[in-house]
Amino acid sequence: MTDDATTEVLDGFLDDLYLGRDRMNQTEIQRRAVVAELPAELMVRISALPEGSYEIEEVAEMLGTTPG
C-alpha cells in the first residue's frame, strides 16, 4: 500500500471511529481496527499506541496523519 493510500485508509477509519465521540481508549481503537480489517502496517502502528484515552487529534498525530 502506498503512503497516500495508507493515509487515506487511516483518515477514513479515524473519521468513522470518532463519529459522535470525543474520546476513545486504546483498547477500543485497536478492537475496531481489527474489525475493520485494516492493513498490517496500520495495525502495527495502532497496536503501539500507549494505553489511555485519546481525542481524534491526539491519535492522528501519534499515527502520523491529520483528521479529516
PDB file of N, CA and C in Angstrom:
ATOM      1  N   MET A   1       0.849  -1.170   0.000  1.00  0.00           N
ATOM      2  CA  MET A   1       0.000   0.000   0.000  1.00  0.00           C
ATOM      3  C   MET A   1       0.896   1.234   0.000  1.00  0.00           C
ATOM      4  N   THR A   2       0.576   2.223  -0.829  1.00  0.00           N
ATOM      5  CA  THR A   2       1.377   3.442  -0.866  1.00  0.00           C
ATOM      6  C   THR A   2       1.087   4.295   0.352  1.00  0.00           C
ATOM      7  N   ASP A   3       1.984   5.240   0.613  1.00  0.00           N
ATOM      8  CA  ASP A   3       1.784   6.133   1.752  1.00  0.00           C
ATOM      9  C   ASP A   3       0.476   6.900   1.630  1.00  0.00           C
ATOM     10  N   ASP A   4       0.146   7.364   0.422  1.00  0.00           N
ATOM     11  CA  ASP A   4      -1.105   8.106   0.220  1.00  0.00           C
ATOM     12  C   ASP A   4      -2.316   7.218   0.476  1.00  0.00           C
ATOM     13  N   ALA A   5      -2.269   5.988   0.016  1.00  0.00           N
ATOM     14  CA  ALA A   5      -3.384   5.057   0.223  1.00  0.00           C
ATOM     15  C   ALA A   5      -3.509   4.705   1.702  1.00  0.00           C
ATOM     16  N   THR A   6      -2.379   4.512   2.366  1.00  0.00           N
ATOM     17  CA  THR A   6      -2.392   4.212   3.794  1.00  0.00           C
ATOM     18  C   THR A   6      -2.983   5.375   4.571  1.00  0.00           C
ATOM     19  N   THR A   7      -2.573   6.575   4.237  1.00  0.00           N
ATOM     20  CA  THR A   7      -3.101   7.769   4.903  1.00  0.00           C
ATOM     21  C   THR A   7      -4.596   7.895   4.676  1.00  0.00           C
ATOM     22  N   GLU A   8      -5.029   7.627   3.467  1.00  0.00           N
ATOM     23  CA  GLU A   8      -6.455   7.716   3.144  1.00  0.00           C
ATOM     24  C   GLU A   8      -7.263   6.693   3.950  1.00  0.00           C
ATOM     25  N   VAL A   9      -6.774   5.476   4.045  1.00  0.00           N
ATOM     26  CA  VAL A   9      -7.451   4.430   4.823  1.00  0.00           C
ATOM     27  C   VAL A   9      -7.499   4.823   6.293  1.00  0.00           C
ATOM     28  N   LEU A  10      -6.388   5.302   6.824  1.00  0.00           N
ATOM     29  CA  LEU A  10      -6.319   5.685   8.229  1.00  0.00           C
ATOM     30  C   LEU A  10      -7.232   6.865   8.520  1.00  0.00           C
ATOM     31  N   ASP A  11      -7.222   7.866   7.664  1.00  0.00           N
ATOM     32  CA  ASP A  11      -8.099   9.029   7.857  1.00  0.00           C
ATOM     33  C   ASP A  11      -9.566   8.615   7.875  1.00  0.00           C
ATOM     34  N   GLY A  12      -9.954   7.768   6.935  1.00  0.00           N
ATOM     35  CA  GLY A  12     -11.328   7.295   6.887  1.00  0.00           C
ATOM     36  C   GLY A  12     -11.700   6.489   8.120  1.00  0.00           C
ATOM     37  N   PHE A  13     -10.783   5.633   8.572  1.00  0.00           N
ATOM     38  CA  PHE A  13     -11.014   4.838   9.768  1.00  0.00           C
ATOM     39  C   PHE A  13     -11.231   5.742  10.978  1.00  0.00           C
ATOM     40  N   LEU A  14     -10.357   6.726  11.161  1.00  0.00           N
ATOM     41  CA  LEU A  14     -10.480   7.621  12.315  1.00  0.00           C
ATOM     42  C   LEU A  14     -11.757   8.449  12.250  1.00  0.00           C
ATOM     43  N   ASP A  15     -12.098   8.938  11.068  1.00  0.00           N
ATOM     44  CA  ASP A  15     -13.336   9.709  10.929  1.00  0.00           C
ATOM     45  C   ASP A  15     -14.545   8.871  11.335  1.00  0.00           C
ATOM     46  N   ASP A  16     -14.596   7.629  10.872  1.00  0.00           N
ATOM     47  CA  ASP A  16     -15.703   6.732  11.232  1.00  0.00           C
ATOM     48  C   ASP A  16     -15.669   6.380  12.710  1.00  0.00           C
ATOM     49  N   LEU A  17     -14.498   6.126  13.223  1.00  0.00           N
ATOM     50  CA  LEU A  17     -14.320   5.710  14.610  1.00  0.00           C
ATOM     51  C   LEU A  17     -14.808   6.768  15.586  1.00  0.00           C
ATOM     52  N   TYR A  18     -14.502   8.009  15.307  1.00  0.00           N
ATOM     53  CA  TYR A  18     -14.816   9.092  16.236  1.00  0.00           C
ATOM     54  C   TYR A  18     -16.151   9.776  15.949  1.00  0.00           C
ATOM     55  N   LEU A  19     -16.906   9.282  14.995  1.00  0.00           N
ATOM     56  CA  LEU A  19     -18.196   9.871  14.674  1.00  0.00           C
ATOM     57  C   LEU A  19     -19.081   9.869  15.923  1.00  0.00           C
ATOM     58  N   GLY A  20     -19.414  11.039  16.418  1.00  0.00           N
ATOM     59  CA  GLY A  20     -20.264  11.177  17.598  1.00  0.00           C
ATOM     60  C   GLY A  20     -19.563  10.941  18.919  1.00  0.00           C
ATOM     61  N   ARG A  21     -18.237  10.845  18.899  1.00  0.00           N
ATOM     62  CA  ARG A  21     -17.472  10.598  20.138  1.00  0.00           C
ATOM     63  C   ARG A  21     -16.366  11.634  20.278  1.00  0.00           C
ATOM     64  N   ASP A  22     -16.082  11.984  21.523  1.00  0.00           N
ATOM     65  CA  ASP A  22     -14.982  12.918  21.783  1.00  0.00           C
ATOM     66  C   ASP A  22     -13.666  12.195  22.059  1.00  0.00           C
ATOM     67  N   ARG A  23     -13.752  11.063  22.757  1.00  0.00           N
ATOM     68  CA  ARG A  23     -12.552  10.328  23.152  1.00  0.00           C
ATOM     69  C   ARG A  23     -12.777   8.836  22.983  1.00  0.00           C
ATOM     70  N   MET A  24     -11.681   8.118  22.761  1.00  0.00           N
ATOM     71  CA  MET A  24     -11.722   6.650  22.693  1.00  0.00           C
ATOM     72  C   MET A  24     -10.468   6.127  23.367  1.00  0.00           C
ATOM     73  N   ASN A  25     -10.584   4.966  23.999  1.00  0.00           N
ATOM     74  CA  ASN A  25      -9.395   4.397  24.619  1.00  0.00           C
ATOM     75  C   ASN A  25      -8.666   3.501  23.630  1.00  0.00           C
ATOM     76  N   GLN A  26      -7.411   3.227  23.940  1.00  0.00           N
ATOM     77  CA  GLN A  26      -6.531   2.465  23.050  1.00  0.00           C
ATOM     78  C   GLN A  26      -7.094   1.082  22.759  1.00  0.00           C
ATOM     79  N   THR A  27      -7.668   0.446  23.754  1.00  0.00           N
ATOM     80  CA  THR A  27      -8.194  -0.905  23.578  1.00  0.00           C
ATOM     81  C   THR A  27      -9.333  -0.913  22.558  1.00  0.00           C
ATOM     82  N   GLU A  28     -10.227   0.051  22.655  1.00  0.00           N
ATOM     83  CA  GLU A  28     -11.361   0.126  21.727  1.00  0.00           C
ATOM     84  C   GLU A  28     -10.888   0.485  20.320  1.00  0.00           C
ATOM     85  N   ILE A  29      -9.906   1.358  20.209  1.00  0.00           N
ATOM     86  CA  ILE A  29      -9.355   1.716  18.903  1.00  0.00           C
ATOM     87  C   ILE A  29      -8.776   0.467  18.241  1.00  0.00           C
ATOM     88  N   GLN A  30      -8.018  -0.287  19.010  1.00  0.00           N
ATOM     89  CA  GLN A  30      -7.398  -1.497  18.472  1.00  0.00           C
ATOM     90  C   GLN A  30      -8.461  -2.533  18.094  1.00  0.00           C
ATOM     91  N   ARG A  31      -9.459  -2.713  18.944  1.00  0.00           N
ATOM     92  CA  ARG A  31     -10.520  -3.674  18.665  1.00  0.00           C
ATOM     93  C   ARG A  31     -11.245  -3.321  17.365  1.00  0.00           C
ATOM     94  N   ARG A  32     -11.556  -2.063  17.204  1.00  0.00           N
ATOM     95  CA  ARG A  32     -12.269  -1.642  15.994  1.00  0.00           C
ATOM     96  C   ARG A  32     -11.389  -1.713  14.754  1.00  0.00           C
ATOM     97  N   ALA A  33     -10.094  -1.532  14.922  1.00  0.00           N
ATOM     98  CA  ALA A  33      -9.167  -1.672  13.796  1.00  0.00           C
ATOM     99  C   ALA A  33      -9.154  -3.117  13.303  1.00  0.00           C
ATOM    100  N   VAL A  34      -9.216  -4.060  14.236  1.00  0.00           N
ATOM    101  CA  VAL A  34      -9.267  -5.476  13.871  1.00  0.00           C
ATOM    102  C   VAL A  34     -10.560  -5.767  13.117  1.00  0.00           C
ATOM    103  N   VAL A  35     -11.672  -5.278  13.637  1.00  0.00           N
ATOM    104  CA  VAL A  35     -12.972  -5.493  12.996  1.00  0.00           C
ATOM    105  C   VAL A  35     -12.983  -4.881  11.590  1.00  0.00           C
ATOM    106  N   ALA A  36     -12.341  -3.712  11.444  1.00  0.00           N
ATOM    107  CA  ALA A  36     -12.286  -3.034  10.146  1.00  0.00           C
ATOM    108  C   ALA A  36     -11.300  -3.687   9.184  1.00  0.00           C
ATOM    109  N   GLU A  37     -10.538  -4.669   9.687  1.00  0.00           N
ATOM    110  CA  GLU A  37      -9.542  -5.374   8.878  1.00  0.00           C
ATOM    111  C   GLU A  37      -8.566  -4.412   8.195  1.00  0.00           C
ATOM    112  N   LEU A  38      -8.016  -3.507   9.007  1.00  0.00           N
ATOM    113  CA  LEU A  38      -7.038  -2.563   8.474  1.00  0.00           C
ATOM    114  C   LEU A  38      -5.777  -3.294   8.035  1.00  0.00           C
ATOM    115  N   PRO A  39      -5.026  -2.711   7.116  1.00  0.00           N
ATOM    116  CA  PRO A  39      -3.776  -3.327   6.661  1.00  0.00           C
ATOM    117  C   PRO A  39      -2.802  -3.529   7.826  1.00  0.00           C
ATOM    118  N   ALA A  40      -1.938  -4.509   7.688  1.00  0.00           N
ATOM    119  CA  ALA A  40      -0.985  -4.875   8.742  1.00  0.00           C
ATOM    120  C   ALA A  40      -0.142  -3.686   9.195  1.00  0.00           C
ATOM    121  N   GLU A  41       0.287  -2.859   8.268  1.00  0.00           N
ATOM    122  CA  GLU A  41       1.103  -1.686   8.610  1.00  0.00           C
ATOM    123  C   GLU A  41       0.379  -0.783   9.604  1.00  0.00           C
ATOM    124  N   LEU A  42      -0.905  -0.567   9.376  1.00  0.00           N
ATOM    125  CA  LEU A  42      -1.678   0.278  10.286  1.00  0.00           C
ATOM    126  C   LEU A  42      -1.937  -0.425  11.608  1.00  0.00           C
ATOM    127  N   MET A  43      -2.157  -1.726  11.566  1.00  0.00           N
ATOM    128  CA  MET A  43      -2.388  -2.481  12.795  1.00  0.00           C
ATOM    129  C   MET A  43      -1.166  -2.403  13.717  1.00  0.00           C
ATOM    130  N   VAL A  44       0.014  -2.454  13.148  1.00  0.00           N
ATOM    131  CA  VAL A  44       1.240  -2.349  13.941  1.00  0.00           C
ATOM    132  C   VAL A  44       1.302  -0.984  14.617  1.00  0.00           C
ATOM    133  N   ARG A  45       0.998   0.058  13.871  1.00  0.00           N
ATOM    134  CA  ARG A  45       1.037   1.413  14.430  1.00  0.00           C
ATOM    135  C   ARG A  45      -0.011   1.588  15.518  1.00  0.00           C
ATOM    136  N   ILE A  46      -1.212   1.072  15.294  1.00  0.00           N
ATOM    137  CA  ILE A  46      -2.284   1.191  16.284  1.00  0.00           C
ATOM    138  C   ILE A  46      -1.953   0.371  17.526  1.00  0.00           C
ATOM    139  N   SER A  47      -1.405  -0.804  17.347  1.00  0.00           N
ATOM    140  CA  SER A  47      -1.032  -1.658  18.482  1.00  0.00           C
ATOM    141  C   SER A  47       0.042  -1.010  19.348  1.00  0.00           C
ATOM    142  N   ALA A  48       0.831  -0.134  18.771  1.00  0.00           N
ATOM    143  CA  ALA A  48       1.908   0.524  19.507  1.00  0.00           C
ATOM    144  C   ALA A  48       1.434   1.733  20.315  1.00  0.00           C
ATOM    145  N   LEU A  49       0.168   2.103  20.180  1.00  0.00           N
ATOM    146  CA  LEU A  49      -0.344   3.236  20.964  1.00  0.00           C
ATOM    147  C   LEU A  49      -0.267   2.905  22.454  1.00  0.00           C
ATOM    148  N   PRO A  50       0.194   3.846  23.270  1.00  0.00           N
ATOM    149  CA  PRO A  50       0.181   3.616  24.713  1.00  0.00           C
ATOM    150  C   PRO A  50      -1.259   3.540  25.224  1.00  0.00           C
ATOM    151  N   GLU A  51      -1.455   2.837  26.321  1.00  0.00           N
ATOM    152  CA  GLU A  51      -2.782   2.770  26.908  1.00  0.00           C
ATOM    153  C   GLU A  51      -3.219   4.173  27.292  1.00  0.00           C
ATOM    154  N   GLY A  52      -4.506   4.421  27.171  1.00  0.00           N
ATOM    155  CA  GLY A  52      -5.040   5.726  27.532  1.00  0.00           C
ATOM    156  C   GLY A  52      -6.249   6.049  26.703  1.00  0.00           C
ATOM    157  N   SER A  53      -6.791   7.218  26.942  1.00  0.00           N
ATOM    158  CA  SER A  53      -7.959   7.712  26.239  1.00  0.00           C
ATOM    159  C   SER A  53      -7.527   8.907  25.391  1.00  0.00           C
ATOM    160  N   TYR A  54      -7.968   8.940  24.143  1.00  0.00           N
ATOM    161  CA  TYR A  54      -7.469   9.936  23.200  1.00  0.00           C
ATOM    162  C   TYR A  54      -8.586  10.645  22.443  1.00  0.00           C
ATOM    163  N   GLU A  55      -8.348  11.917  22.153  1.00  0.00           N
ATOM    164  CA  GLU A  55      -9.164  12.646  21.191  1.00  0.00           C
ATOM    165  C   GLU A  55      -8.617  12.314  19.808  1.00  0.00           C
ATOM    166  N   ILE A  56      -9.420  12.560  18.787  1.00  0.00           N
ATOM    167  CA  ILE A  56      -9.019  12.197  17.426  1.00  0.00           C
ATOM    168  C   ILE A  56      -7.705  12.873  17.019  1.00  0.00           C
ATOM    169  N   GLU A  57      -7.518  14.123  17.412  1.00  0.00           N
ATOM    170  CA  GLU A  57      -6.300  14.834  17.034  1.00  0.00           C
ATOM    171  C   GLU A  57      -5.061  14.184  17.638  1.00  0.00           C
ATOM    172  N   GLU A  58      -5.185  13.690  18.866  1.00  0.00           N
ATOM    173  CA  GLU A  58      -4.055  13.038  19.533  1.00  0.00           C
ATOM    174  C   GLU A  58      -3.683  11.746  18.817  1.00  0.00           C
ATOM    175  N   VAL A  59      -4.684  10.935  18.509  1.00  0.00           N
ATOM    176  CA  VAL A  59      -4.419   9.663  17.815  1.00  0.00           C
ATOM    177  C   VAL A  59      -3.849   9.923  16.437  1.00  0.00           C
ATOM    178  N   ALA A  60      -4.426  10.869  15.719  1.00  0.00           N
ATOM    179  CA  ALA A  60      -3.953  11.183  14.377  1.00  0.00           C
ATOM    180  C   ALA A  60      -2.479  11.586  14.398  1.00  0.00           C
ATOM    181  N   GLU A  61      -2.112  12.412  15.347  1.00  0.00           N
ATOM    182  CA  GLU A  61      -0.721  12.853  15.456  1.00  0.00           C
ATOM    183  C   GLU A  61       0.201  11.670  15.747  1.00  0.00           C
ATOM    184  N   MET A  62      -0.200  10.806  16.675  1.00  0.00           N
ATOM    185  CA  MET A  62       0.634   9.659  17.025  1.00  0.00           C
ATOM    186  C   MET A  62       0.759   8.665  15.874  1.00  0.00           C
ATOM    187  N   LEU A  63      -0.278   8.596  15.036  1.00  0.00           N
ATOM    188  CA  LEU A  63      -0.262   7.640  13.920  1.00  0.00           C
ATOM    189  C   LEU A  63       0.260   8.270  12.633  1.00  0.00           C
ATOM    190  N   GLY A  64       0.567   9.564  12.683  1.00  0.00           N
ATOM    191  CA  GLY A  64       1.189  10.215  11.541  1.00  0.00           C
ATOM    192  C   GLY A  64       0.239  10.664  10.454  1.00  0.00           C
ATOM    193  N   THR A  65      -0.956  11.125  10.846  1.00  0.00           N
ATOM    194  CA  THR A  65      -1.905  11.637   9.876  1.00  0.00           C
ATOM    195  C   THR A  65      -2.631  12.821  10.486  1.00  0.00           C
ATOM    196  N   THR A  66      -3.542  13.410   9.759  1.00  0.00           N
ATOM    197  CA  THR A  66      -4.360  14.501  10.293  1.00  0.00           C
ATOM    198  C   THR A  66      -5.829  14.145  10.110  1.00  0.00           C
ATOM    199  N   PRO A  67      -6.646  14.431  11.111  1.00  0.00           N
ATOM    200  CA  PRO A  67      -8.066  14.070  10.994  1.00  0.00           C
ATOM    201  C   PRO A  67      -8.736  14.901   9.918  1.00  0.00           C
ATOM    202  N   GLY A  68      -9.710  14.252   9.257  1.00  0.00           N
ATOM    203  CA  GLY A  68     -10.453  14.911   8.178  1.00  0.00           C
ATOM    204  C   GLY A  68     -11.515  15.745   8.738  1.00  0.00           C
TER     205      GLY A  68
END
